[in-house]
Structure formats: C-alpha cells, structure tokens
Amino acid sequence: MATARPVTLALLGTGSRGRTFSSFAQRYPDRARVVAVADPRTDRREMLADQLGVAADKRFDDWRDVAAQARLADAVIVTTPDREHVGPACRFAELGYHVLLEKPIAPTRAGCLEVVEAVEKAGVILAVCHVMRYTTYTDQVKTILAQGRLGQLVGVEHLEPVGWWHFAHSYVRGNWRRSDQAGPSILTKCCHDLDWLRYIVGRPAVRVSSRGGLHH
C-alpha cells in the first residue's frame, strides 16, 4: 500500500527546542524530513544540519533568508527566542507555510493577536507547542472530568514544581532572566500550566488575581 510522503520542514532556530522537535524527523523519517535550517550561530546550525542531512545550500544565518527563497517546505518550526516569534510566524503564514510555534506565542497580547490574525487570513495551520496537552495523563484527567466521575468541578489546586536548578540556570542567569528580553516567568515557564488548566477545565477564566514575592 502506498504511503504519503514525509512532511517537509524548515527549522528556524537550532537551540534546545529546535533539536528536540527536529529529533522527531530523525526517529520517523517516513513521516517528517527537515530540509532547511536557519540560525545565526554557525557551530550550532552546522552540527544539527549535519545530523539531519540538510543540504549545504539550505543552511541559513537568518529566517528571513529562508523566507526569501522559493517555497522550501510544507511547514516551519519556529524555535527562535520568545521576542522573535511574531515576525517569522506571520511571514511564513503569509507565504502559505503551516506553522509549529514554540510557546509562548508572543510576550504580549498584541503579538499573540497578530499571529492569530495572520494564520487565519492565510488559512494555514498554527500549532503551539503546549506539549502537556498531548500526554496520556492529560487524556485521562480530561476524560474523568468530562464524565463527571469526580462530581462538579469547583476548584483546582495546581503546583508547578520548577526545580531550583532549572530556575537558577534558566530564569536567574539564563536566556529568560529578564522580562524585557523574554517575558515574565508566569508566561515563559507557566504558560504550559495555564493552557493545561484551561484545556482540562473546558472553559476560560473569568477573573485572575495574583499575590507573592521574591521569597514566596
């Protein structure tokens, strides 16, 4: 029986997330193939491109160089820094590419709306990498709640156990240490949890309150 050809992908950003998502193509070459990569860091770009078997003329310093080519792939994976999500997501949607976008969509509400408007106008698929939605435990929790097996849902107590080592390396000294360069940790780290809660509960929040401090 004939099988569909692999989905072709252009990878924009070859850091940790880019390596993670592109590894799917390495494990399942019959389902996906990375045909172009873009990253300003030559060493990182070349190492991953070699692993993925990307042709030498499909390796770029900047996502704009990919956009300037005749269409190279079915979809793009956008794993650029948080504040560089909107530009490539919107541009490649305009060019007809489907978009897999690392979370958060953008650090601002305006940026999120701009991306949504671009993909709706272009009629392409946008998927945001809220990976917690696609786990077995999420399926089980959502099914149990939907069936009413716990009764009426009146509250959820949810803990995001950010390890001290992770917080120190990522949010104190790392790429997400400053809100003006990335975003607040409630967005950059905990948008997974906010999306998950919204998904399993099945309805949006109507009011938000917050409290806390440096040592709480």
N, C-alpha and C. Protein backbone atom coordinates (compact mmCIF):
# COMPACT_ATOMS: atom_id res chain seq x y z
N MET A 1 0.84 -1.19 0.00
CA MET A 1 0.00 0.00 0.00
C MET A 1 0.88 1.24 0.00
N ALA A 2 0.59 2.18 -0.86
CA ALA A 2 1.38 3.41 -0.95
C ALA A 2 1.16 4.25 0.29
N THR A 3 2.23 4.89 0.76
CA THR A 3 2.14 5.77 1.92
C THR A 3 2.36 7.20 1.49
N ALA A 4 1.82 8.14 2.27
CA ALA A 4 2.01 9.56 1.97
C ALA A 4 3.47 9.92 2.15
N ARG A 5 3.91 10.92 1.40
CA ARG A 5 5.30 11.35 1.53
C ARG A 5 5.50 12.04 2.87
N PRO A 6 6.74 12.10 3.36
CA PRO A 6 7.01 12.78 4.62
C PRO A 6 6.67 14.27 4.52
N VAL A 7 6.22 14.83 5.60
CA VAL A 7 6.03 16.28 5.69
C VAL A 7 7.41 16.93 5.71
N THR A 8 7.61 17.94 4.87
CA THR A 8 8.90 18.62 4.84
C THR A 8 8.85 19.85 5.74
N LEU A 9 9.97 20.09 6.43
CA LEU A 9 10.03 21.12 7.47
C LEU A 9 11.23 22.02 7.30
N ALA A 10 11.04 23.31 7.58
CA ALA A 10 12.14 24.25 7.71
C ALA A 10 12.24 24.60 9.19
N LEU A 11 13.41 24.43 9.75
CA LEU A 11 13.63 24.65 11.18
C LEU A 11 14.27 26.01 11.40
N LEU A 12 13.59 26.88 12.12
CA LEU A 12 14.08 28.23 12.40
C LEU A 12 14.51 28.30 13.86
N GLY A 13 15.79 28.11 14.09
CA GLY A 13 16.32 28.06 15.44
C GLY A 13 16.80 26.67 15.77
N THR A 14 18.11 26.53 16.06
CA THR A 14 18.68 25.21 16.30
C THR A 14 19.19 25.05 17.72
N GLY A 15 18.54 25.73 18.65
CA GLY A 15 18.87 25.56 20.06
C GLY A 15 18.20 24.33 20.64
N SER A 16 17.98 24.35 21.95
CA SER A 16 17.45 23.18 22.64
C SER A 16 16.11 22.73 22.07
N ARG A 17 15.17 23.66 21.89
CA ARG A 17 13.86 23.28 21.38
C ARG A 17 13.93 22.83 19.93
N GLY A 18 14.74 23.50 19.15
CA GLY A 18 14.89 23.09 17.75
C GLY A 18 15.43 21.68 17.63
N ARG A 19 16.40 21.36 18.48
CA ARG A 19 16.96 20.00 18.47
C ARG A 19 15.91 18.98 18.92
N THR A 20 15.14 19.35 19.93
CA THR A 20 14.13 18.43 20.45
C THR A 20 13.07 18.12 19.41
N PHE A 21 12.51 19.15 18.79
CA PHE A 21 11.41 18.93 17.85
C PHE A 21 11.90 18.27 16.56
N SER A 22 13.09 18.64 16.11
CA SER A 22 13.59 18.04 14.87
C SER A 22 13.99 16.59 15.05
N SER A 23 14.18 16.16 16.30
CA SER A 23 14.54 14.76 16.53
C SER A 23 13.43 13.82 16.09
N PHE A 24 12.20 14.33 16.02
CA PHE A 24 11.09 13.51 15.51
C PHE A 24 11.39 13.05 14.09
N ALA A 25 11.92 13.96 13.28
CA ALA A 25 12.23 13.61 11.89
C ALA A 25 13.34 12.56 11.82
N GLN A 26 14.24 12.59 12.79
CA GLN A 26 15.29 11.58 12.81
C GLN A 26 14.74 10.21 13.19
N ARG A 27 13.80 10.20 14.11
CA ARG A 27 13.21 8.93 14.56
C ARG A 27 12.21 8.36 13.57
N TYR A 28 11.51 9.26 12.86
CA TYR A 28 10.45 8.83 11.95
C TYR A 28 10.64 9.48 10.57
N PRO A 29 11.69 9.09 9.86
CA PRO A 29 11.98 9.71 8.56
C PRO A 29 10.91 9.48 7.51
N ASP A 30 10.06 8.49 7.73
CA ASP A 30 8.97 8.25 6.79
C ASP A 30 7.81 9.22 7.00
N ARG A 31 7.86 9.98 8.11
CA ARG A 31 6.76 10.89 8.43
C ARG A 31 7.15 12.36 8.34
N ALA A 32 8.42 12.67 8.55
CA ALA A 32 8.85 14.07 8.51
C ALA A 32 10.31 14.16 8.10
N ARG A 33 10.64 15.26 7.44
CA ARG A 33 12.03 15.47 6.99
C ARG A 33 12.35 16.95 7.06
N VAL A 34 13.43 17.30 7.75
CA VAL A 34 13.88 18.69 7.82
C VAL A 34 14.73 18.97 6.59
N VAL A 35 14.32 19.96 5.80
CA VAL A 35 15.01 20.24 4.54
C VAL A 35 15.74 21.58 4.55
N ALA A 36 15.55 22.38 5.60
CA ALA A 36 16.24 23.67 5.70
C ALA A 36 16.35 24.06 7.16
N VAL A 37 17.44 24.73 7.51
CA VAL A 37 17.63 25.22 8.87
C VAL A 37 18.14 26.66 8.82
N ALA A 38 17.82 27.41 9.87
CA ALA A 38 18.31 28.78 9.98
C ALA A 38 18.68 29.06 11.43
N ASP A 39 19.87 29.61 11.63
CA ASP A 39 20.32 30.01 12.96
C ASP A 39 21.56 30.89 12.78
N PRO A 40 21.67 31.98 13.53
CA PRO A 40 22.85 32.84 13.38
C PRO A 40 24.13 32.23 13.94
N ARG A 41 24.01 31.24 14.81
CA ARG A 41 25.20 30.59 15.36
C ARG A 41 25.65 29.46 14.44
N THR A 42 26.77 29.69 13.79
CA THR A 42 27.25 28.76 12.77
C THR A 42 27.50 27.37 13.32
N ASP A 43 28.18 27.29 14.48
CA ASP A 43 28.54 25.98 15.01
C ASP A 43 27.31 25.14 15.32
N ARG A 44 26.34 25.75 15.95
CA ARG A 44 25.12 25.04 16.33
C ARG A 44 24.31 24.64 15.09
N ARG A 45 24.22 25.58 14.15
CA ARG A 45 23.46 25.32 12.92
C ARG A 45 24.08 24.18 12.12
N GLU A 46 25.39 24.23 11.94
CA GLU A 46 26.05 23.24 11.11
C GLU A 46 26.01 21.85 11.74
N MET A 47 26.16 21.80 13.05
CA MET A 47 26.14 20.50 13.73
C MET A 47 24.78 19.82 13.56
N LEU A 48 23.70 20.57 13.79
CA LEU A 48 22.37 19.97 13.67
C LEU A 48 22.04 19.68 12.21
N ALA A 49 22.43 20.58 11.32
CA ALA A 49 22.16 20.35 9.89
C ALA A 49 22.85 19.09 9.40
N ASP A 50 24.06 18.85 9.88
CA ASP A 50 24.77 17.61 9.52
C ASP A 50 24.00 16.39 10.02
N GLN A 51 23.52 16.47 11.25
CA GLN A 51 22.79 15.34 11.83
C GLN A 51 21.49 15.06 11.06
N LEU A 52 20.87 16.12 10.57
CA LEU A 52 19.59 15.99 9.88
C LEU A 52 19.74 15.74 8.38
N GLY A 53 20.97 15.84 7.88
CA GLY A 53 21.20 15.63 6.46
C GLY A 53 20.69 16.75 5.58
N VAL A 54 20.74 17.98 6.09
CA VAL A 54 20.26 19.14 5.32
C VAL A 54 21.32 19.55 4.31
N ALA A 55 20.90 19.80 3.09
CA ALA A 55 21.83 20.19 2.02
C ALA A 55 22.55 21.49 2.38
N ALA A 56 23.78 21.63 1.90
CA ALA A 56 24.60 22.79 2.23
C ALA A 56 23.95 24.10 1.81
N ASP A 57 23.23 24.11 0.69
CA ASP A 57 22.62 25.35 0.22
C ASP A 57 21.27 25.63 0.87
N LYS A 58 20.91 24.82 1.87
CA LYS A 58 19.65 25.05 2.59
C LYS A 58 19.92 25.35 4.06
N ARG A 59 21.11 25.90 4.31
CA ARG A 59 21.51 26.29 5.66
C ARG A 59 21.68 27.80 5.67
N PHE A 60 20.96 28.48 6.56
CA PHE A 60 20.89 29.94 6.51
C PHE A 60 21.21 30.57 7.86
N ASP A 61 21.71 31.81 7.79
CA ASP A 61 22.02 32.56 9.01
C ASP A 61 20.78 33.16 9.66
N ASP A 62 19.76 33.41 8.86
CA ASP A 62 18.61 34.18 9.33
C ASP A 62 17.33 33.61 8.72
N TRP A 63 16.25 33.61 9.49
CA TRP A 63 14.98 33.08 8.97
C TRP A 63 14.49 33.88 7.77
N ARG A 64 14.87 35.15 7.70
CA ARG A 64 14.45 35.98 6.56
C ARG A 64 15.05 35.46 5.26
N ASP A 65 16.23 34.86 5.34
CA ASP A 65 16.84 34.27 4.15
C ASP A 65 16.04 33.07 3.65
N VAL A 66 15.46 32.32 4.58
CA VAL A 66 14.60 31.20 4.20
C VAL A 66 13.34 31.73 3.52
N ALA A 67 12.76 32.77 4.12
CA ALA A 67 11.54 33.35 3.57
C ALA A 67 11.75 33.93 2.18
N ALA A 68 12.98 34.34 1.87
CA ALA A 68 13.28 34.94 0.57
C ALA A 68 13.40 33.91 -0.54
N GLN A 69 13.50 32.63 -0.18
CA GLN A 69 13.62 31.57 -1.18
C GLN A 69 12.25 31.19 -1.74
N ALA A 70 12.27 30.54 -2.88
CA ALA A 70 11.05 29.86 -3.33
C ALA A 70 10.68 28.84 -2.26
N ARG A 71 9.41 28.53 -2.16
CA ARG A 71 8.95 27.70 -1.05
C ARG A 71 9.78 26.43 -0.91
N LEU A 72 10.28 26.20 0.33
CA LEU A 72 11.19 25.09 0.58
C LEU A 72 10.55 23.90 1.28
N ALA A 73 9.42 24.13 1.95
CA ALA A 73 8.87 23.08 2.80
C ALA A 73 7.37 23.24 2.97
N ASP A 74 6.77 22.22 3.55
CA ASP A 74 5.34 22.28 3.85
C ASP A 74 5.06 23.15 5.07
N ALA A 75 5.99 23.13 6.02
CA ALA A 75 5.75 23.81 7.30
C ALA A 75 7.06 24.31 7.88
N VAL A 76 6.95 25.24 8.82
CA VAL A 76 8.11 25.71 9.55
C VAL A 76 7.94 25.38 11.03
N ILE A 77 9.07 25.13 11.68
CA ILE A 77 9.11 25.02 13.14
C ILE A 77 9.82 26.26 13.64
N VAL A 78 9.12 27.09 14.40
CA VAL A 78 9.68 28.35 14.88
C VAL A 78 10.13 28.17 16.32
N THR A 79 11.44 28.08 16.53
CA THR A 79 12.00 27.95 17.87
C THR A 79 13.03 29.05 18.12
N THR A 80 12.75 30.21 17.57
CA THR A 80 13.56 31.40 17.82
C THR A 80 13.30 31.89 19.24
N PRO A 81 14.09 32.86 19.76
CA PRO A 81 13.81 33.41 21.09
C PRO A 81 12.40 33.99 21.19
N ASP A 82 11.88 34.06 22.41
CA ASP A 82 10.49 34.44 22.63
C ASP A 82 10.08 35.71 21.91
N ARG A 83 10.93 36.72 21.96
CA ARG A 83 10.57 38.00 21.35
C ARG A 83 10.79 38.02 19.84
N GLU A 84 11.17 36.89 19.29
CA GLU A 84 11.33 36.77 17.84
C GLU A 84 10.40 35.70 17.27
N HIS A 85 9.25 35.55 17.88
CA HIS A 85 8.25 34.59 17.39
C HIS A 85 7.32 35.21 16.36
N VAL A 86 6.89 36.44 16.62
CA VAL A 86 5.83 37.04 15.81
C VAL A 86 6.26 37.21 14.36
N GLY A 87 7.45 37.76 14.14
CA GLY A 87 7.92 38.03 12.78
C GLY A 87 7.91 36.81 11.88
N PRO A 88 8.65 35.74 12.25
CA PRO A 88 8.67 34.57 11.38
C PRO A 88 7.33 33.85 11.30
N ALA A 89 6.59 33.79 12.41
CA ALA A 89 5.29 33.11 12.36
C ALA A 89 4.36 33.78 11.36
N CYS A 90 4.30 35.11 11.41
CA CYS A 90 3.42 35.84 10.49
C CYS A 90 3.90 35.76 9.05
N ARG A 91 5.21 35.92 8.86
CA ARG A 91 5.74 35.93 7.50
C ARG A 91 5.54 34.59 6.80
N PHE A 92 5.83 33.50 7.50
CA PHE A 92 5.70 32.20 6.85
C PHE A 92 4.24 31.80 6.68
N ALA A 93 3.37 32.27 7.55
CA ALA A 93 1.94 32.06 7.33
C ALA A 93 1.51 32.75 6.04
N GLU A 94 1.98 33.98 5.84
CA GLU A 94 1.66 34.71 4.62
C GLU A 94 2.14 33.97 3.38
N LEU A 95 3.25 33.25 3.53
CA LEU A 95 3.82 32.51 2.40
C LEU A 95 3.17 31.14 2.20
N GLY A 96 2.20 30.82 3.05
CA GLY A 96 1.48 29.57 2.89
C GLY A 96 2.02 28.38 3.66
N TYR A 97 3.01 28.61 4.51
CA TYR A 97 3.55 27.53 5.33
C TYR A 97 2.64 27.29 6.54
N HIS A 98 2.47 26.04 6.90
CA HIS A 98 1.89 25.72 8.21
C HIS A 98 2.96 26.00 9.27
N VAL A 99 2.52 26.32 10.49
CA VAL A 99 3.46 26.82 11.50
C VAL A 99 3.34 26.02 12.80
N LEU A 100 4.46 25.44 13.23
CA LEU A 100 4.58 24.88 14.57
C LEU A 100 5.40 25.88 15.37
N LEU A 101 4.79 26.48 16.38
CA LEU A 101 5.38 27.62 17.08
C LEU A 101 5.67 27.27 18.53
N GLU A 102 6.91 27.44 18.93
CA GLU A 102 7.27 27.22 20.33
C GLU A 102 6.52 28.21 21.21
N LYS A 103 6.16 27.77 22.40
CA LYS A 103 5.47 28.66 23.33
C LYS A 103 6.48 29.62 23.97
N PRO A 104 6.04 30.78 24.45
CA PRO A 104 4.71 31.35 24.26
C PRO A 104 4.57 31.90 22.84
N ILE A 105 3.34 32.09 22.39
CA ILE A 105 3.13 32.64 21.05
C ILE A 105 3.90 33.95 20.92
N ALA A 106 3.77 34.81 21.92
CA ALA A 106 4.44 36.11 21.94
C ALA A 106 4.42 36.62 23.37
N PRO A 107 5.29 37.57 23.71
CA PRO A 107 5.29 38.11 25.08
C PRO A 107 4.16 39.09 25.36
N THR A 108 3.44 39.51 24.33
CA THR A 108 2.38 40.49 24.51
C THR A 108 1.07 40.01 23.89
N ARG A 109 -0.02 40.56 24.39
CA ARG A 109 -1.33 40.23 23.83
C ARG A 109 -1.41 40.66 22.36
N ALA A 110 -0.87 41.84 22.07
CA ALA A 110 -0.90 42.34 20.70
C ALA A 110 -0.16 41.40 19.76
N GLY A 111 0.99 40.89 20.21
CA GLY A 111 1.74 39.95 19.38
C GLY A 111 0.99 38.66 19.14
N CYS A 112 0.32 38.16 20.17
CA CYS A 112 -0.48 36.93 20.01
C CYS A 112 -1.59 37.14 18.99
N LEU A 113 -2.28 38.26 19.10
CA LEU A 113 -3.38 38.54 18.18
C LEU A 113 -2.88 38.71 16.75
N GLU A 114 -1.68 39.28 16.60
CA GLU A 114 -1.11 39.45 15.27
C GLU A 114 -0.84 38.10 14.61
N VAL A 115 -0.32 37.16 15.38
CA VAL A 115 -0.06 35.82 14.84
C VAL A 115 -1.36 35.12 14.47
N VAL A 116 -2.34 35.18 15.36
CA VAL A 116 -3.63 34.54 15.09
C VAL A 116 -4.28 35.12 13.84
N GLU A 117 -4.23 36.44 13.72
CA GLU A 117 -4.82 37.09 12.54
C GLU A 117 -4.11 36.65 11.26
N ALA A 118 -2.78 36.53 11.32
CA ALA A 118 -2.01 36.15 10.13
C ALA A 118 -2.34 34.74 9.67
N VAL A 119 -2.43 33.79 10.61
CA VAL A 119 -2.70 32.41 10.20
C VAL A 119 -4.15 32.24 9.75
N GLU A 120 -5.07 32.97 10.38
CA GLU A 120 -6.47 32.88 9.94
C GLU A 120 -6.64 33.47 8.55
N LYS A 121 -5.96 34.57 8.29
CA LYS A 121 -6.05 35.20 6.97
C LYS A 121 -5.45 34.30 5.90
N ALA A 122 -4.34 33.62 6.24
CA ALA A 122 -3.66 32.77 5.26
C ALA A 122 -4.33 31.40 5.12
N GLY A 123 -5.14 31.02 6.10
CA GLY A 123 -5.78 29.71 6.04
C GLY A 123 -4.84 28.55 6.28
N VAL A 124 -3.80 28.78 7.09
CA VAL A 124 -2.84 27.72 7.38
C VAL A 124 -3.04 27.22 8.81
N ILE A 125 -2.40 26.11 9.10
CA ILE A 125 -2.49 25.52 10.44
C ILE A 125 -1.44 26.16 11.35
N LEU A 126 -1.87 26.57 12.54
CA LEU A 126 -0.95 27.01 13.59
C LEU A 126 -1.08 26.05 14.76
N ALA A 127 0.03 25.47 15.18
CA ALA A 127 0.05 24.64 16.39
C ALA A 127 1.09 25.23 17.33
N VAL A 128 0.70 25.44 18.57
CA VAL A 128 1.61 25.97 19.59
C VAL A 128 2.10 24.80 20.44
N CYS A 129 3.36 24.82 20.79
CA CYS A 129 3.97 23.66 21.46
C CYS A 129 3.62 23.58 22.94
N HIS A 130 2.34 23.54 23.24
CA HIS A 130 1.88 23.25 24.60
C HIS A 130 1.80 21.74 24.74
N VAL A 131 2.96 21.14 24.94
CA VAL A 131 3.08 19.69 24.82
C VAL A 131 2.35 18.92 25.91
N MET A 132 2.04 19.59 27.04
CA MET A 132 1.32 18.89 28.11
C MET A 132 -0.06 18.42 27.68
N ARG A 133 -0.62 19.06 26.67
CA ARG A 133 -1.94 18.66 26.18
C ARG A 133 -1.94 17.24 25.60
N TYR A 134 -0.80 16.80 25.14
CA TYR A 134 -0.75 15.57 24.35
C TYR A 134 -0.20 14.38 25.11
N THR A 135 -0.26 14.44 26.44
CA THR A 135 0.23 13.34 27.26
C THR A 135 -0.91 12.40 27.62
N THR A 136 -0.54 11.18 28.00
CA THR A 136 -1.54 10.20 28.41
C THR A 136 -2.28 10.65 29.65
N TYR A 137 -1.54 11.24 30.61
CA TYR A 137 -2.21 11.66 31.85
C TYR A 137 -3.22 12.77 31.60
N THR A 138 -2.93 13.65 30.63
CA THR A 138 -3.89 14.71 30.32
C THR A 138 -5.17 14.11 29.73
N ASP A 139 -5.01 13.16 28.83
CA ASP A 139 -6.19 12.48 28.27
C ASP A 139 -7.04 11.85 29.37
N GLN A 140 -6.37 11.21 30.33
CA GLN A 140 -7.09 10.53 31.40
C GLN A 140 -7.81 11.52 32.31
N VAL A 141 -7.11 12.60 32.69
CA VAL A 141 -7.73 13.60 33.56
C VAL A 141 -8.91 14.26 32.88
N LYS A 142 -8.74 14.63 31.62
CA LYS A 142 -9.82 15.30 30.90
C LYS A 142 -11.04 14.38 30.75
N THR A 143 -10.79 13.10 30.47
CA THR A 143 -11.89 12.14 30.34
C THR A 143 -12.64 11.98 31.66
N ILE A 144 -11.91 11.85 32.75
CA ILE A 144 -12.54 11.69 34.07
C ILE A 144 -13.40 12.90 34.42
N LEU A 145 -12.88 14.10 34.15
CA LEU A 145 -13.64 15.31 34.44
C LEU A 145 -14.87 15.42 33.55
N ALA A 146 -14.69 15.12 32.26
CA ALA A 146 -15.80 15.24 31.31
C ALA A 146 -16.92 14.27 31.64
N GLN A 147 -16.58 13.11 32.18
CA GLN A 147 -17.58 12.11 32.54
C GLN A 147 -18.26 12.40 33.87
N GLY A 148 -17.77 13.42 34.58
CA GLY A 148 -18.37 13.77 35.86
C GLY A 148 -18.08 12.78 36.97
N ARG A 149 -17.04 11.99 36.82
CA ARG A 149 -16.74 10.95 37.82
C ARG A 149 -16.25 11.54 39.13
N LEU A 150 -15.81 12.80 39.12
CA LEU A 150 -15.40 13.47 40.36
C LEU A 150 -16.48 14.41 40.88
N GLY A 151 -17.62 14.41 40.21
CA GLY A 151 -18.66 15.35 40.59
C GLY A 151 -18.44 16.70 39.93
N GLN A 152 -19.07 17.73 40.49
CA GLN A 152 -18.94 19.08 39.93
C GLN A 152 -17.56 19.64 40.25
N LEU A 153 -16.89 20.16 39.25
CA LEU A 153 -15.58 20.77 39.44
C LEU A 153 -15.75 22.19 39.97
N VAL A 154 -15.30 22.43 41.19
CA VAL A 154 -15.45 23.76 41.78
C VAL A 154 -14.10 24.43 42.04
N GLY A 155 -13.01 23.68 41.94
CA GLY A 155 -11.70 24.27 42.16
C GLY A 155 -10.59 23.31 41.78
N VAL A 156 -9.44 23.85 41.47
CA VAL A 156 -8.26 23.05 41.13
C VAL A 156 -7.07 23.60 41.91
N GLU A 157 -6.36 22.73 42.60
CA GLU A 157 -5.11 23.12 43.25
C GLU A 157 -3.97 22.55 42.40
N HIS A 158 -3.20 23.43 41.83
CA HIS A 158 -2.20 23.01 40.84
C HIS A 158 -0.83 23.56 41.25
N LEU A 159 0.18 22.73 41.20
CA LEU A 159 1.54 23.12 41.55
C LEU A 159 2.45 22.98 40.34
N GLU A 160 3.22 24.02 40.07
CA GLU A 160 4.26 23.95 39.04
C GLU A 160 5.59 23.77 39.76
N PRO A 161 6.12 22.55 39.81
CA PRO A 161 7.33 22.28 40.60
C PRO A 161 8.60 22.65 39.84
N VAL A 162 8.88 23.93 39.69
CA VAL A 162 10.09 24.36 39.00
C VAL A 162 11.29 24.06 39.89
N GLY A 163 12.14 23.17 39.47
CA GLY A 163 13.32 22.83 40.27
C GLY A 163 14.22 24.05 40.46
N TRP A 164 14.85 24.14 41.63
CA TRP A 164 15.69 25.32 41.89
C TRP A 164 16.81 25.43 40.88
N TRP A 165 17.36 24.27 40.45
CA TRP A 165 18.46 24.28 39.47
C TRP A 165 17.97 24.81 38.12
N HIS A 166 16.76 24.43 37.76
CA HIS A 166 16.20 24.90 36.49
C HIS A 166 15.92 26.40 36.57
N PHE A 167 15.33 26.83 37.68
CA PHE A 167 15.02 28.25 37.80
C PHE A 167 16.30 29.09 37.82
N ALA A 168 17.31 28.62 38.54
CA ALA A 168 18.56 29.38 38.63
C ALA A 168 19.24 29.50 37.28
N HIS A 169 19.30 28.39 36.55
CA HIS A 169 20.03 28.40 35.28
C HIS A 169 19.24 29.05 34.15
N SER A 170 17.92 28.95 34.18
CA SER A 170 17.11 29.49 33.08
C SER A 170 16.56 30.88 33.36
N TYR A 171 16.12 31.11 34.60
CA TYR A 171 15.37 32.33 34.89
C TYR A 171 16.11 33.32 35.78
N VAL A 172 17.29 32.96 36.26
CA VAL A 172 18.13 33.89 37.01
C VAL A 172 19.35 34.27 36.18
N ARG A 173 20.02 33.27 35.62
CA ARG A 173 21.22 33.54 34.83
C ARG A 173 21.05 33.25 33.34
N GLY A 174 19.98 32.59 32.96
CA GLY A 174 19.85 32.10 31.60
C GLY A 174 19.13 33.03 30.64
N ASN A 175 18.63 32.46 29.56
CA ASN A 175 18.02 33.24 28.48
C ASN A 175 16.76 33.98 28.90
N TRP A 176 16.12 33.53 29.97
CA TRP A 176 14.83 34.12 30.39
C TRP A 176 14.98 34.91 31.68
N ARG A 177 16.18 35.44 31.93
CA ARG A 177 16.44 36.11 33.20
C ARG A 177 15.82 37.50 33.29
N ARG A 178 15.49 38.12 32.15
CA ARG A 178 14.97 39.49 32.16
C ARG A 178 13.67 39.56 31.36
N SER A 179 12.65 40.15 31.99
CA SER A 179 11.35 40.24 31.32
C SER A 179 11.42 41.09 30.05
N ASP A 180 12.31 42.10 30.04
CA ASP A 180 12.36 42.97 28.86
C ASP A 180 13.05 42.29 27.68
N GLN A 181 13.71 41.16 27.92
CA GLN A 181 14.36 40.42 26.84
C GLN A 181 13.60 39.15 26.47
N ALA A 182 12.77 38.67 27.36
CA ALA A 182 11.99 37.46 27.08
C ALA A 182 10.55 37.67 27.51
N GLY A 183 10.27 37.50 28.77
CA GLY A 183 8.93 37.68 29.31
C GLY A 183 8.95 37.28 30.76
N PRO A 184 7.90 37.54 31.50
CA PRO A 184 7.84 37.12 32.90
C PRO A 184 7.73 35.61 33.00
N SER A 185 8.20 35.05 34.10
CA SER A 185 8.22 33.59 34.24
C SER A 185 6.82 32.99 34.22
N ILE A 186 5.80 33.75 34.66
CA ILE A 186 4.43 33.23 34.60
C ILE A 186 4.03 32.95 33.16
N LEU A 187 4.64 33.66 32.22
CA LEU A 187 4.37 33.43 30.80
C LEU A 187 5.35 32.44 30.20
N THR A 188 6.64 32.70 30.37
CA THR A 188 7.65 31.89 29.68
C THR A 188 7.73 30.47 30.21
N LYS A 189 7.48 30.29 31.49
CA LYS A 189 7.52 28.95 32.08
C LYS A 189 6.12 28.37 32.27
N CYS A 190 5.24 29.18 32.87
CA CYS A 190 3.96 28.63 33.34
C CYS A 190 2.82 28.72 32.34
N CYS A 191 3.08 29.21 31.12
CA CYS A 191 2.00 29.19 30.13
C CYS A 191 1.59 27.75 29.81
N HIS A 192 2.51 26.80 30.01
CA HIS A 192 2.13 25.38 29.89
C HIS A 192 0.98 25.06 30.84
N ASP A 193 1.16 25.49 32.08
CA ASP A 193 0.18 25.17 33.12
C ASP A 193 -1.13 25.90 32.89
N LEU A 194 -1.03 27.17 32.50
CA LEU A 194 -2.24 27.95 32.24
C LEU A 194 -3.04 27.33 31.09
N ASP A 195 -2.34 26.92 30.04
CA ASP A 195 -3.01 26.28 28.92
C ASP A 195 -3.62 24.94 29.34
N TRP A 196 -2.89 24.18 30.14
CA TRP A 196 -3.36 22.87 30.58
C TRP A 196 -4.63 23.00 31.42
N LEU A 197 -4.62 23.95 32.35
CA LEU A 197 -5.79 24.15 33.20
C LEU A 197 -7.00 24.56 32.37
N ARG A 198 -6.78 25.47 31.44
CA ARG A 198 -7.88 25.90 30.55
C ARG A 198 -8.42 24.71 29.76
N TYR A 199 -7.53 23.85 29.32
CA TYR A 199 -7.92 22.72 28.49
C TYR A 199 -8.72 21.68 29.27
N ILE A 200 -8.21 21.28 30.43
CA ILE A 200 -8.90 20.21 31.16
C ILE A 200 -10.20 20.70 31.79
N VAL A 201 -10.25 21.97 32.20
CA VAL A 201 -11.48 22.51 32.79
C VAL A 201 -12.54 22.72 31.71
N GLY A 202 -12.08 23.13 30.52
CA GLY A 202 -13.00 23.27 29.40
C GLY A 202 -13.69 24.61 29.28
N ARG A 203 -13.23 25.58 30.05
CA ARG A 203 -13.80 26.92 29.93
C ARG A 203 -12.75 27.93 30.38
N PRO A 204 -12.83 29.16 29.87
CA PRO A 204 -11.82 30.16 30.20
C PRO A 204 -12.03 30.74 31.59
N ALA A 205 -10.96 31.30 32.14
CA ALA A 205 -11.05 32.01 33.41
C ALA A 205 -11.81 33.32 33.20
N VAL A 206 -12.58 33.73 34.19
CA VAL A 206 -13.32 34.99 34.09
C VAL A 206 -12.68 36.07 34.95
N ARG A 207 -11.82 35.67 35.89
CA ARG A 207 -11.14 36.65 36.73
C ARG A 207 -9.79 36.08 37.17
N VAL A 208 -8.78 36.92 37.25
CA VAL A 208 -7.44 36.49 37.65
C VAL A 208 -6.96 37.38 38.80
N SER A 209 -6.41 36.77 39.83
CA SER A 209 -5.77 37.52 40.91
C SER A 209 -4.40 36.90 41.16
N SER A 210 -3.49 37.67 41.72
CA SER A 210 -2.13 37.19 41.91
C SER A 210 -1.54 37.78 43.17
N ARG A 211 -0.72 37.00 43.86
CA ARG A 211 0.00 37.50 45.02
C ARG A 211 1.30 36.74 45.13
N GLY A 212 2.24 37.29 45.86
CA GLY A 212 3.52 36.62 46.01
C GLY A 212 4.64 37.63 46.19
N GLY A 213 5.85 37.14 46.27
CA GLY A 213 7.00 37.99 46.46
C GLY A 213 8.27 37.23 46.13
N LEU A 214 9.39 37.86 46.36
CA LEU A 214 10.67 37.28 45.99
C LEU A 214 10.93 35.96 46.72
N HIS A 215 10.48 35.86 47.96
CA HIS A 215 10.75 34.67 48.75
C HIS A 215 9.51 33.81 48.96
N HIS A 216 8.53 33.95 48.10
CA HIS A 216 7.30 33.16 48.24
C HIS A 216 6.97 32.47 46.92
